[in-house]
Amino acid sequence: ADHKGGWAAKKRLQHYVRHFYRGVRFQILMFAALLLALFLPDLWVITSASNTEALDWILVGILATFVVEFLLQLIGEWSSYFLSFAFWMDIVGVLSVPLDHSLVTTF
């Protein structure tokens, strides 16, 4: 009986996680984070912005957002997400964000 209770709790958690990350607010947040990750470092260079610390903190926030989304996908869609094409693309995306951080670019 305890095993069934654990299974039911897991299914409830997956349901709530899927409901959360499929929500409009979360999708807008992730789309904004994606746009910032893609274009903000280049805009920083184009505008000759000198405050790299601000960019670094924004990139850390974007990285944290991507990691949270990755973990939510693992929890909510384990059987269809783990090792899928989207899984590997998300890994590449998460790993690419730190490449624009000043700790990496000045190394």
PDB file of N, CA and C in Angstrom:
ATOM      1  N   ALA A   1       0.831  -1.186   0.000  1.00  0.00           N
ATOM      2  CA  ALA A   1       0.000   0.000   0.000  1.00  0.00           C
ATOM      3  C   ALA A   1       0.877   1.251   0.000  1.00  0.00           C
ATOM      4  N   ASP A   2       2.005   1.222   0.716  1.00  0.00           N
ATOM      5  CA  ASP A   2       2.892   2.378   0.792  1.00  0.00           C
ATOM      6  C   ASP A   2       3.485   2.707  -0.575  1.00  0.00           C
ATOM      7  N   HIS A   3       3.780   1.647  -1.341  1.00  0.00           N
ATOM      8  CA  HIS A   3       4.344   1.849  -2.679  1.00  0.00           C
ATOM      9  C   HIS A   3       3.352   2.589  -3.578  1.00  0.00           C
ATOM     10  N   LYS A   4       2.066   2.234  -3.478  1.00  0.00           N
ATOM     11  CA  LYS A   4       1.045   2.899  -4.286  1.00  0.00           C
ATOM     12  C   LYS A   4       0.893   4.360  -3.881  1.00  0.00           C
ATOM     13  N   GLY A   5       1.026   4.640  -2.599  1.00  0.00           N
ATOM     14  CA  GLY A   5       0.946   6.028  -2.128  1.00  0.00           C
ATOM     15  C   GLY A   5       2.080   6.866  -2.681  1.00  0.00           C
ATOM     16  N   GLY A   6       3.274   6.286  -2.752  1.00  0.00           N
ATOM     17  CA  GLY A   6       4.413   6.984  -3.337  1.00  0.00           C
ATOM     18  C   GLY A   6       4.222   7.241  -4.812  1.00  0.00           C
ATOM     19  N   TRP A   7       3.652   6.260  -5.505  1.00  0.00           N
ATOM     20  CA  TRP A   7       3.389   6.406  -6.935  1.00  0.00           C
ATOM     21  C   TRP A   7       2.362   7.503  -7.174  1.00  0.00           C
ATOM     22  N   ALA A   8       1.319   7.527  -6.347  1.00  0.00           N
ATOM     23  CA  ALA A   8       0.279   8.554  -6.491  1.00  0.00           C
ATOM     24  C   ALA A   8       0.847   9.937  -6.206  1.00  0.00           C
ATOM     25  N   ALA A   9       1.707  10.041  -5.199  1.00  0.00           N
ATOM     26  CA  ALA A   9       2.330  11.327  -4.881  1.00  0.00           C
ATOM     27  C   ALA A   9       3.226  11.789  -6.028  1.00  0.00           C
ATOM     28  N   LYS A  10       3.948  10.862  -6.625  1.00  0.00           N
ATOM     29  CA  LYS A  10       4.811  11.190  -7.764  1.00  0.00           C
ATOM     30  C   LYS A  10       3.976  11.706  -8.933  1.00  0.00           C
ATOM     31  N   LYS A  11       2.864  11.045  -9.214  1.00  0.00           N
ATOM     32  CA  LYS A  11       1.990  11.464 -10.310  1.00  0.00           C
ATOM     33  C   LYS A  11       1.388  12.843 -10.037  1.00  0.00           C
ATOM     34  N   ARG A  12       1.006  13.106  -8.779  1.00  0.00           N
ATOM     35  CA  ARG A  12       0.466  14.423  -8.423  1.00  0.00           C
ATOM     36  C   ARG A  12       1.529  15.496  -8.620  1.00  0.00           C
ATOM     37  N   LEU A  13       2.759  15.211  -8.166  1.00  0.00           N
ATOM     38  CA  LEU A  13       3.853  16.165  -8.327  1.00  0.00           C
ATOM     39  C   LEU A  13       4.098  16.449  -9.806  1.00  0.00           C
ATOM     40  N   GLN A  14       4.138  15.400 -10.622  1.00  0.00           N
ATOM     41  CA  GLN A  14       4.337  15.590 -12.060  1.00  0.00           C
ATOM     42  C   GLN A  14       3.222  16.450 -12.656  1.00  0.00           C
ATOM     43  N   HIS A  15       1.999  16.200 -12.222  1.00  0.00           N
ATOM     44  CA  HIS A  15       0.854  16.974 -12.720  1.00  0.00           C
ATOM     45  C   HIS A  15       1.018  18.455 -12.377  1.00  0.00           C
ATOM     46  N   TYR A  16       1.342  18.767 -11.123  1.00  0.00           N
ATOM     47  CA  TYR A  16       1.491  20.161 -10.706  1.00  0.00           C
ATOM     48  C   TYR A  16       2.671  20.832 -11.404  1.00  0.00           C
ATOM     49  N   VAL A  17       3.766  20.109 -11.563  1.00  0.00           N
ATOM     50  CA  VAL A  17       4.944  20.660 -12.238  1.00  0.00           C
ATOM     51  C   VAL A  17       4.616  20.954 -13.699  1.00  0.00           C
ATOM     52  N   ARG A  18       3.964  20.020 -14.372  1.00  0.00           N
ATOM     53  CA  ARG A  18       3.578  20.244 -15.775  1.00  0.00           C
ATOM     54  C   ARG A  18       2.641  21.444 -15.895  1.00  0.00           C
ATOM     55  N   HIS A  19       1.676  21.525 -14.998  1.00  0.00           N
ATOM     56  CA  HIS A  19       0.737  22.648 -15.010  1.00  0.00           C
ATOM     57  C   HIS A  19       1.487  23.969 -14.830  1.00  0.00           C
ATOM     58  N   PHE A  20       2.481  24.000 -13.950  1.00  0.00           N
ATOM     59  CA  PHE A  20       3.253  25.212 -13.685  1.00  0.00           C
ATOM     60  C   PHE A  20       4.070  25.628 -14.901  1.00  0.00           C
ATOM     61  N   TYR A  21       4.869  24.705 -15.454  1.00  0.00           N
ATOM     62  CA  TYR A  21       5.762  25.146 -16.529  1.00  0.00           C
ATOM     63  C   TYR A  21       5.069  25.267 -17.878  1.00  0.00           C
ATOM     64  N   ARG A  22       3.867  24.765 -17.998  1.00  0.00           N
ATOM     65  CA  ARG A  22       3.102  24.994 -19.229  1.00  0.00           C
ATOM     66  C   ARG A  22       2.260  26.262 -19.148  1.00  0.00           C
ATOM     67  N   GLY A  23       2.258  26.892 -17.991  1.00  0.00           N
ATOM     68  CA  GLY A  23       1.477  28.108 -17.796  1.00  0.00           C
ATOM     69  C   GLY A  23       2.025  29.277 -18.600  1.00  0.00           C
ATOM     70  N   VAL A  24       1.139  30.206 -18.915  1.00  0.00           N
ATOM     71  CA  VAL A  24       1.501  31.353 -19.746  1.00  0.00           C
ATOM     72  C   VAL A  24       2.593  32.189 -19.087  1.00  0.00           C
ATOM     73  N   ARG A  25       2.482  32.457 -17.805  1.00  0.00           N
ATOM     74  CA  ARG A  25       3.483  33.289 -17.121  1.00  0.00           C
ATOM     75  C   ARG A  25       4.872  32.667 -17.191  1.00  0.00           C
ATOM     76  N   PHE A  26       4.951  31.383 -16.929  1.00  0.00           N
ATOM     77  CA  PHE A  26       6.255  30.718 -16.966  1.00  0.00           C
ATOM     78  C   PHE A  26       6.807  30.707 -18.387  1.00  0.00           C
ATOM     79  N   GLN A  27       5.955  30.486 -19.369  1.00  0.00           N
ATOM     80  CA  GLN A  27       6.407  30.480 -20.761  1.00  0.00           C
ATOM     81  C   GLN A  27       6.904  31.860 -21.189  1.00  0.00           C
ATOM     82  N   ILE A  28       6.229  32.921 -20.747  1.00  0.00           N
ATOM     83  CA  ILE A  28       6.685  34.282 -21.051  1.00  0.00           C
ATOM     84  C   ILE A  28       8.031  34.537 -20.388  1.00  0.00           C
ATOM     85  N   LEU A  29       8.177  34.119 -19.132  1.00  0.00           N
ATOM     86  CA  LEU A  29       9.458  34.265 -18.434  1.00  0.00           C
ATOM     87  C   LEU A  29      10.570  33.546 -19.186  1.00  0.00           C
ATOM     88  N   MET A  30      10.314  32.330 -19.619  1.00  0.00           N
ATOM     89  CA  MET A  30      11.342  31.562 -20.315  1.00  0.00           C
ATOM     90  C   MET A  30      11.659  32.166 -21.682  1.00  0.00           C
ATOM     91  N   PHE A  31      10.659  32.689 -22.364  1.00  0.00           N
ATOM     92  CA  PHE A  31      10.897  33.328 -23.658  1.00  0.00           C
ATOM     93  C   PHE A  31      11.746  34.585 -23.476  1.00  0.00           C
ATOM     94  N   ALA A  32      11.440  35.369 -22.443  1.00  0.00           N
ATOM     95  CA  ALA A  32      12.235  36.566 -22.157  1.00  0.00           C
ATOM     96  C   ALA A  32      13.672  36.184 -21.804  1.00  0.00           C
ATOM     97  N   ALA A  33      13.839  35.141 -21.002  1.00  0.00           N
ATOM     98  CA  ALA A  33      15.188  34.687 -20.643  1.00  0.00           C
ATOM     99  C   ALA A  33      15.949  34.224 -21.878  1.00  0.00           C
ATOM    100  N   LEU A  34      15.264  33.532 -22.770  1.00  0.00           N
ATOM    101  CA  LEU A  34      15.905  33.080 -24.008  1.00  0.00           C
ATOM    102  C   LEU A  34      16.355  34.264 -24.859  1.00  0.00           C
ATOM    103  N   LEU A  35      15.477  35.249 -25.036  1.00  0.00           N
ATOM    104  CA  LEU A  35      15.849  36.428 -25.819  1.00  0.00           C
ATOM    105  C   LEU A  35      17.024  37.166 -25.191  1.00  0.00           C
ATOM    106  N   LEU A  36      16.993  37.313 -23.873  1.00  0.00           N
ATOM    107  CA  LEU A  36      18.110  37.973 -23.188  1.00  0.00           C
ATOM    108  C   LEU A  36      19.403  37.186 -23.358  1.00  0.00           C
ATOM    109  N   ALA A  37      19.323  35.874 -23.219  1.00  0.00           N
ATOM    110  CA  ALA A  37      20.525  35.043 -23.360  1.00  0.00           C
ATOM    111  C   ALA A  37      21.100  35.137 -24.769  1.00  0.00           C
ATOM    112  N   LEU A  38      20.229  35.229 -25.756  1.00  0.00           N
ATOM    113  CA  LEU A  38      20.686  35.272 -27.145  1.00  0.00           C
ATOM    114  C   LEU A  38      21.252  36.632 -27.544  1.00  0.00           C
ATOM    115  N   PHE A  39      20.612  37.713 -27.092  1.00  0.00           N
ATOM    116  CA  PHE A  39      20.945  39.023 -27.641  1.00  0.00           C
ATOM    117  C   PHE A  39      21.610  39.998 -26.677  1.00  0.00           C
ATOM    118  N   LEU A  40      21.417  39.854 -25.377  1.00  0.00           N
ATOM    119  CA  LEU A  40      21.950  40.838 -24.434  1.00  0.00           C
ATOM    120  C   LEU A  40      23.475  40.950 -24.471  1.00  0.00           C
ATOM    121  N   PRO A  41      24.217  39.848 -24.475  1.00  0.00           N
ATOM    122  CA  PRO A  41      25.683  40.006 -24.531  1.00  0.00           C
ATOM    123  C   PRO A  41      26.150  40.757 -25.786  1.00  0.00           C
ATOM    124  N   ASP A  42      25.514  40.504 -26.910  1.00  0.00           N
ATOM    125  CA  ASP A  42      25.881  41.216 -28.140  1.00  0.00           C
ATOM    126  C   ASP A  42      25.505  42.694 -28.058  1.00  0.00           C
ATOM    127  N   LEU A  43      24.338  42.989 -27.495  1.00  0.00           N
ATOM    128  CA  LEU A  43      23.948  44.386 -27.317  1.00  0.00           C
ATOM    129  C   LEU A  43      24.911  45.108 -26.386  1.00  0.00           C
ATOM    130  N   TRP A  44      25.408  44.386 -25.388  1.00  0.00           N
ATOM    131  CA  TRP A  44      26.379  44.953 -24.449  1.00  0.00           C
ATOM    132  C   TRP A  44      27.632  45.390 -25.209  1.00  0.00           C
ATOM    133  N   VAL A  45      28.082  44.546 -26.126  1.00  0.00           N
ATOM    134  CA  VAL A  45      29.277  44.857 -26.923  1.00  0.00           C
ATOM    135  C   VAL A  45      28.986  45.990 -27.903  1.00  0.00           C
ATOM    136  N   ILE A  46      27.857  45.912 -28.598  1.00  0.00           N
ATOM    137  CA  ILE A  46      27.507  46.927 -29.601  1.00  0.00           C
ATOM    138  C   ILE A  46      27.409  48.314 -28.975  1.00  0.00           C
ATOM    139  N   THR A  47      26.827  48.389 -27.782  1.00  0.00           N
ATOM    140  CA  THR A  47      26.648  49.685 -27.115  1.00  0.00           C
ATOM    141  C   THR A  47      27.864  50.091 -26.298  1.00  0.00           C
ATOM    142  N   SER A  48      28.898  49.281 -26.306  1.00  0.00           N
ATOM    143  CA  SER A  48      30.127  49.554 -25.539  1.00  0.00           C
ATOM    144  C   SER A  48      29.839  49.785 -24.061  1.00  0.00           C
ATOM    145  N   ALA A  49      28.872  49.065 -23.537  1.00  0.00           N
ATOM    146  CA  ALA A  49      28.550  49.178 -22.114  1.00  0.00           C
ATOM    147  C   ALA A  49      29.742  48.707 -21.296  1.00  0.00           C
ATOM    148  N   SER A  50      30.110  49.501 -20.315  1.00  0.00           N
ATOM    149  CA  SER A  50      31.320  49.190 -19.554  1.00  0.00           C
ATOM    150  C   SER A  50      31.041  48.396 -18.281  1.00  0.00           C
ATOM    151  N   ASN A  51      29.808  48.376 -17.827  1.00  0.00           N
ATOM    152  CA  ASN A  51      29.477  47.702 -16.574  1.00  0.00           C
ATOM    153  C   ASN A  51      29.234  46.212 -16.824  1.00  0.00           C
ATOM    154  N   THR A  52      30.315  45.452 -16.878  1.00  0.00           N
ATOM    155  CA  THR A  52      30.158  44.016 -17.124  1.00  0.00           C
ATOM    156  C   THR A  52      29.599  43.284 -15.911  1.00  0.00           C
ATOM    157  N   GLU A  53      29.724  43.886 -14.732  1.00  0.00           N
ATOM    158  CA  GLU A  53      29.175  43.236 -13.537  1.00  0.00           C
ATOM    159  C   GLU A  53      27.655  43.097 -13.644  1.00  0.00           C
ATOM    160  N   ALA A  54      26.995  44.111 -14.175  1.00  0.00           N
ATOM    161  CA  ALA A  54      25.537  44.034 -14.353  1.00  0.00           C
ATOM    162  C   ALA A  54      25.182  42.915 -15.323  1.00  0.00           C
ATOM    163  N   LEU A  55      25.905  42.833 -16.437  1.00  0.00           N
ATOM    164  CA  LEU A  55      25.665  41.754 -17.402  1.00  0.00           C
ATOM    165  C   LEU A  55      25.899  40.395 -16.752  1.00  0.00           C
ATOM    166  N   ASP A  56      26.970  40.292 -15.964  1.00  0.00           N
ATOM    167  CA  ASP A  56      27.270  39.023 -15.296  1.00  0.00           C
ATOM    168  C   ASP A  56      26.129  38.583 -14.392  1.00  0.00           C
ATOM    169  N   TRP A  57      25.559  39.507 -13.628  1.00  0.00           N
ATOM    170  CA  TRP A  57      24.462  39.152 -12.728  1.00  0.00           C
ATOM    171  C   TRP A  57      23.209  38.762 -13.500  1.00  0.00           C
ATOM    172  N   ILE A  58      22.957  39.449 -14.604  1.00  0.00           N
ATOM    173  CA  ILE A  58      21.816  39.080 -15.441  1.00  0.00           C
ATOM    174  C   ILE A  58      22.022  37.677 -16.003  1.00  0.00           C
ATOM    175  N   LEU A  59      23.238  37.386 -16.453  1.00  0.00           N
ATOM    176  CA  LEU A  59      23.534  36.051 -16.990  1.00  0.00           C
ATOM    177  C   LEU A  59      23.397  34.969 -15.929  1.00  0.00           C
ATOM    178  N   VAL A  60      23.792  35.272 -14.699  1.00  0.00           N
ATOM    179  CA  VAL A  60      23.618  34.300 -13.608  1.00  0.00           C
ATOM    180  C   VAL A  60      22.129  34.038 -13.389  1.00  0.00           C
ATOM    181  N   GLY A  61      21.315  35.091 -13.437  1.00  0.00           N
ATOM    182  CA  GLY A  61      19.867  34.917 -13.303  1.00  0.00           C
ATOM    183  C   GLY A  61      19.280  34.090 -14.432  1.00  0.00           C
ATOM    184  N   ILE A  62      19.747  34.344 -15.653  1.00  0.00           N
ATOM    185  CA  ILE A  62      19.287  33.565 -16.809  1.00  0.00           C
ATOM    186  C   ILE A  62      19.693  32.105 -16.654  1.00  0.00           C
ATOM    187  N   LEU A  63      20.926  31.881 -16.239  1.00  0.00           N
ATOM    188  CA  LEU A  63      21.400  30.509 -16.030  1.00  0.00           C
ATOM    189  C   LEU A  63      20.541  29.796 -14.991  1.00  0.00           C
ATOM    190  N   ALA A  64      20.260  30.475 -13.883  1.00  0.00           N
ATOM    191  CA  ALA A  64      19.420  29.874 -12.838  1.00  0.00           C
ATOM    192  C   ALA A  64      18.029  29.550 -13.385  1.00  0.00           C
ATOM    193  N   THR A  65      17.483  30.444 -14.196  1.00  0.00           N
ATOM    194  CA  THR A  65      16.168  30.223 -14.796  1.00  0.00           C
ATOM    195  C   THR A  65      16.182  29.003 -15.708  1.00  0.00           C
ATOM    196  N   PHE A  66      17.224  28.884 -16.527  1.00  0.00           N
ATOM    197  CA  PHE A  66      17.339  27.733 -17.424  1.00  0.00           C
ATOM    198  C   PHE A  66      17.501  26.425 -16.647  1.00  0.00           C
ATOM    199  N   VAL A  67      18.269  26.463 -15.565  1.00  0.00           N
ATOM    200  CA  VAL A  67      18.463  25.252 -14.756  1.00  0.00           C
ATOM    201  C   VAL A  67      17.140  24.835 -14.113  1.00  0.00           C
ATOM    202  N   VAL A  68      16.389  25.807 -13.603  1.00  0.00           N
ATOM    203  CA  VAL A  68      15.084  25.494 -13.003  1.00  0.00           C
ATOM    204  C   VAL A  68      14.161  24.878 -14.046  1.00  0.00           C
ATOM    205  N   GLU A  69      14.123  25.457 -15.242  1.00  0.00           N
ATOM    206  CA  GLU A  69      13.271  24.894 -16.292  1.00  0.00           C
ATOM    207  C   GLU A  69      13.702  23.470 -16.634  1.00  0.00           C
ATOM    208  N   PHE A  70      14.997  23.246 -16.721  1.00  0.00           N
ATOM    209  CA  PHE A  70      15.527  21.916 -17.019  1.00  0.00           C
ATOM    210  C   PHE A  70      15.074  20.908 -15.961  1.00  0.00           C
ATOM    211  N   LEU A  71      15.190  21.283 -14.698  1.00  0.00           N
ATOM    212  CA  LEU A  71      14.783  20.386 -13.612  1.00  0.00           C
ATOM    213  C   LEU A  71      13.276  20.137 -13.627  1.00  0.00           C
ATOM    214  N   LEU A  72      12.498  21.179 -13.910  1.00  0.00           N
ATOM    215  CA  LEU A  72      11.047  21.002 -13.991  1.00  0.00           C
ATOM    216  C   LEU A  72      10.676  20.055 -15.124  1.00  0.00           C
ATOM    217  N   GLN A  73      11.357  20.174 -16.254  1.00  0.00           N
ATOM    218  CA  GLN A  73      11.100  19.260 -17.371  1.00  0.00           C
ATOM    219  C   GLN A  73      11.432  17.824 -16.969  1.00  0.00           C
ATOM    220  N   LEU A  74      12.541  17.651 -16.261  1.00  0.00           N
ATOM    221  CA  LEU A  74      12.905  16.301 -15.811  1.00  0.00           C
ATOM    222  C   LEU A  74      11.844  15.715 -14.891  1.00  0.00           C
ATOM    223  N   ILE A  75      11.338  16.539 -13.981  1.00  0.00           N
ATOM    224  CA  ILE A  75      10.326  16.055 -13.040  1.00  0.00           C
ATOM    225  C   ILE A  75       8.998  15.801 -13.753  1.00  0.00           C
ATOM    226  N   GLY A  76       8.580  16.745 -14.578  1.00  0.00           N
ATOM    227  CA  GLY A  76       7.251  16.665 -15.173  1.00  0.00           C
ATOM    228  C   GLY A  76       7.124  15.738 -16.362  1.00  0.00           C
ATOM    229  N   GLU A  77       8.204  15.550 -17.094  1.00  0.00           N
ATOM    230  CA  GLU A  77       8.127  14.781 -18.345  1.00  0.00           C
ATOM    231  C   GLU A  77       9.228  13.736 -18.449  1.00  0.00           C
ATOM    232  N   TRP A  78       9.603  13.138 -17.350  1.00  0.00           N
ATOM    233  CA  TRP A  78      10.763  12.243 -17.320  1.00  0.00           C
ATOM    234  C   TRP A  78      10.790  11.251 -18.478  1.00  0.00           C
ATOM    235  N   SER A  79       9.717  10.520 -18.662  1.00  0.00           N
ATOM    236  CA  SER A  79       9.733   9.420 -19.636  1.00  0.00           C
ATOM    237  C   SER A  79       9.874   9.907 -21.076  1.00  0.00           C
ATOM    238  N   SER A  80       9.369  11.082 -21.397  1.00  0.00           N
ATOM    239  CA  SER A  80       9.479  11.568 -22.777  1.00  0.00           C
ATOM    240  C   SER A  80      10.599  12.589 -22.964  1.00  0.00           C
ATOM    241  N   TYR A  81      11.121  13.151 -21.870  1.00  0.00           N
ATOM    242  CA  TYR A  81      12.122  14.220 -21.965  1.00  0.00           C
ATOM    243  C   TYR A  81      13.549  13.710 -21.808  1.00  0.00           C
ATOM    244  N   PHE A  82      13.767  12.836 -20.836  1.00  0.00           N
ATOM    245  CA  PHE A  82      15.121  12.382 -20.521  1.00  0.00           C
ATOM    246  C   PHE A  82      15.764  11.733 -21.745  1.00  0.00           C
ATOM    247  N   LEU A  83      16.927  12.240 -22.125  1.00  0.00           N
ATOM    248  CA  LEU A  83      17.735  11.791 -23.268  1.00  0.00           C
ATOM    249  C   LEU A  83      17.093  12.074 -24.630  1.00  0.00           C
ATOM    250  N   SER A  84      16.030  12.875 -24.651  1.00  0.00           N
ATOM    251  CA  SER A  84      15.412  13.253 -25.928  1.00  0.00           C
ATOM    252  C   SER A  84      16.238  14.360 -26.586  1.00  0.00           C
ATOM    253  N   PHE A  85      15.885  14.710 -27.809  1.00  0.00           N
ATOM    254  CA  PHE A  85      16.563  15.803 -28.506  1.00  0.00           C
ATOM    255  C   PHE A  85      16.445  17.102 -27.709  1.00  0.00           C
ATOM    256  N   ALA A  86      15.246  17.386 -27.181  1.00  0.00           N
ATOM    257  CA  ALA A  86      15.035  18.602 -26.391  1.00  0.00           C
ATOM    258  C   ALA A  86      15.910  18.603 -25.143  1.00  0.00           C
ATOM    259  N   PHE A  87      16.085  17.453 -24.516  1.00  0.00           N
ATOM    260  CA  PHE A  87      16.955  17.318 -23.345  1.00  0.00           C
ATOM    261  C   PHE A  87      18.370  17.773 -23.686  1.00  0.00           C
ATOM    262  N   TRP A  88      18.901  17.254 -24.795  1.00  0.00           N
ATOM    263  CA  TRP A  88      20.280  17.589 -25.176  1.00  0.00           C
ATOM    264  C   TRP A  88      20.398  19.046 -25.606  1.00  0.00           C
ATOM    265  N   MET A  89      19.393  19.587 -26.268  1.00  0.00           N
ATOM    266  CA  MET A  89      19.423  21.000 -26.654  1.00  0.00           C
ATOM    267  C   MET A  89      19.371  21.891 -25.416  1.00  0.00           C
ATOM    268  N   ASP A  90      18.603  21.483 -24.410  1.00  0.00           N
ATOM    269  CA  ASP A  90      18.561  22.247 -23.165  1.00  0.00           C
ATOM    270  C   ASP A  90      19.903  22.194 -22.444  1.00  0.00           C
ATOM    271  N   ILE A  91      20.564  21.042 -22.475  1.00  0.00           N
ATOM    272  CA  ILE A  91      21.905  20.934 -21.878  1.00  0.00           C
ATOM    273  C   ILE A  91      22.854  21.908 -22.581  1.00  0.00           C
ATOM    274  N   VAL A  92      22.832  21.912 -23.911  1.00  0.00           N
ATOM    275  CA  VAL A  92      23.697  22.825 -24.675  1.00  0.00           C
ATOM    276  C   VAL A  92      23.364  24.278 -24.326  1.00  0.00           C
ATOM    277  N   GLY A  93      22.087  24.592 -24.235  1.00  0.00           N
ATOM    278  CA  GLY A  93      21.678  25.950 -23.887  1.00  0.00           C
ATOM    279  C   GLY A  93      22.146  26.368 -22.510  1.00  0.00           C
ATOM    280  N   VAL A  94      21.973  25.493 -21.542  1.00  0.00           N
ATOM    281  CA  VAL A  94      22.411  25.798 -20.173  1.00  0.00           C
ATOM    282  C   VAL A  94      23.924  25.990 -20.128  1.00  0.00           C
ATOM    283  N   LEU A  95      24.654  25.131 -20.820  1.00  0.00           N
ATOM    284  CA  LEU A  95      26.115  25.216 -20.791  1.00  0.00           C
ATOM    285  C   LEU A  95      26.654  26.401 -21.587  1.00  0.00           C
ATOM    286  N   SER A  96      25.875  26.931 -22.515  1.00  0.00           N
ATOM    287  CA  SER A  96      26.361  28.053 -23.325  1.00  0.00           C
ATOM    288  C   SER A  96      26.242  29.399 -22.614  1.00  0.00           C
ATOM    289  N   VAL A  97      25.332  29.529 -21.666  1.00  0.00           N
ATOM    290  CA  VAL A  97      25.131  30.811 -20.986  1.00  0.00           C
ATOM    291  C   VAL A  97      26.399  31.284 -20.272  1.00  0.00           C
ATOM    292  N   PRO A  98      27.088  30.440 -19.519  1.00  0.00           N
ATOM    293  CA  PRO A  98      28.292  30.933 -18.828  1.00  0.00           C
ATOM    294  C   PRO A  98      29.407  31.387 -19.772  1.00  0.00           C
ATOM    295  N   LEU A  99      29.352  31.008 -21.030  1.00  0.00           N
ATOM    296  CA  LEU A  99      30.405  31.401 -21.965  1.00  0.00           C
ATOM    297  C   LEU A  99      30.440  32.907 -22.202  1.00  0.00           C
ATOM    298  N   ASP A 100      29.349  33.617 -21.904  1.00  0.00           N
ATOM    299  CA  ASP A 100      29.311  35.074 -22.040  1.00  0.00           C
ATOM    300  C   ASP A 100      29.666  35.795 -20.742  1.00  0.00           C
ATOM    301  N   HIS A 101      29.866  35.068 -19.663  1.00  0.00           N
ATOM    302  CA  HIS A 101      30.203  35.662 -18.370  1.00  0.00           C
ATOM    303  C   HIS A 101      31.636  36.180 -18.401  1.00  0.00           C
ATOM    304  N   SER A 102      31.886  37.288 -17.707  1.00  0.00           N
ATOM    305  CA  SER A 102      33.220  37.907 -17.755  1.00  0.00           C
ATOM    306  C   SER A 102      34.307  37.003 -17.186  1.00  0.00           C
ATOM    307  N   LEU A 103      33.951  36.099 -16.278  1.00  0.00           N
ATOM    308  CA  LEU A 103      34.959  35.168 -15.762  1.00  0.00           C
ATOM    309  C   LEU A 103      35.500  34.277 -16.871  1.00  0.00           C
ATOM    310  N   VAL A 104      34.673  33.994 -17.863  1.00  0.00           N
ATOM    311  CA  VAL A 104      35.086  33.156 -18.988  1.00  0.00           C
ATOM    312  C   VAL A 104      35.685  34.010 -20.103  1.00  0.00           C
ATOM    313  N   THR A 105      35.047  35.136 -20.403  1.00  0.00           N
ATOM    314  CA  THR A 105      35.504  35.952 -21.536  1.00  0.00           C
ATOM    315  C   THR A 105      36.829  36.644 -21.268  1.00  0.00           C
ATOM    316  N   THR A 106      37.172  36.877 -20.002  1.00  0.00           N
ATOM    317  CA  THR A 106      38.456  37.525 -19.696  1.00  0.00           C
ATOM    318  C   THR A 106      39.553  36.528 -19.387  1.00  0.00           C
ATOM    319  N   PHE A 107      39.228  35.252 -19.407  1.00  0.00           N
ATOM    320  CA  PHE A 107      40.206  34.208 -19.076  1.00  0.00           C
ATOM    321  C   PHE A 107      41.172  33.980 -20.177  1.00  0.00           C
TER     322      PHE A 107
END
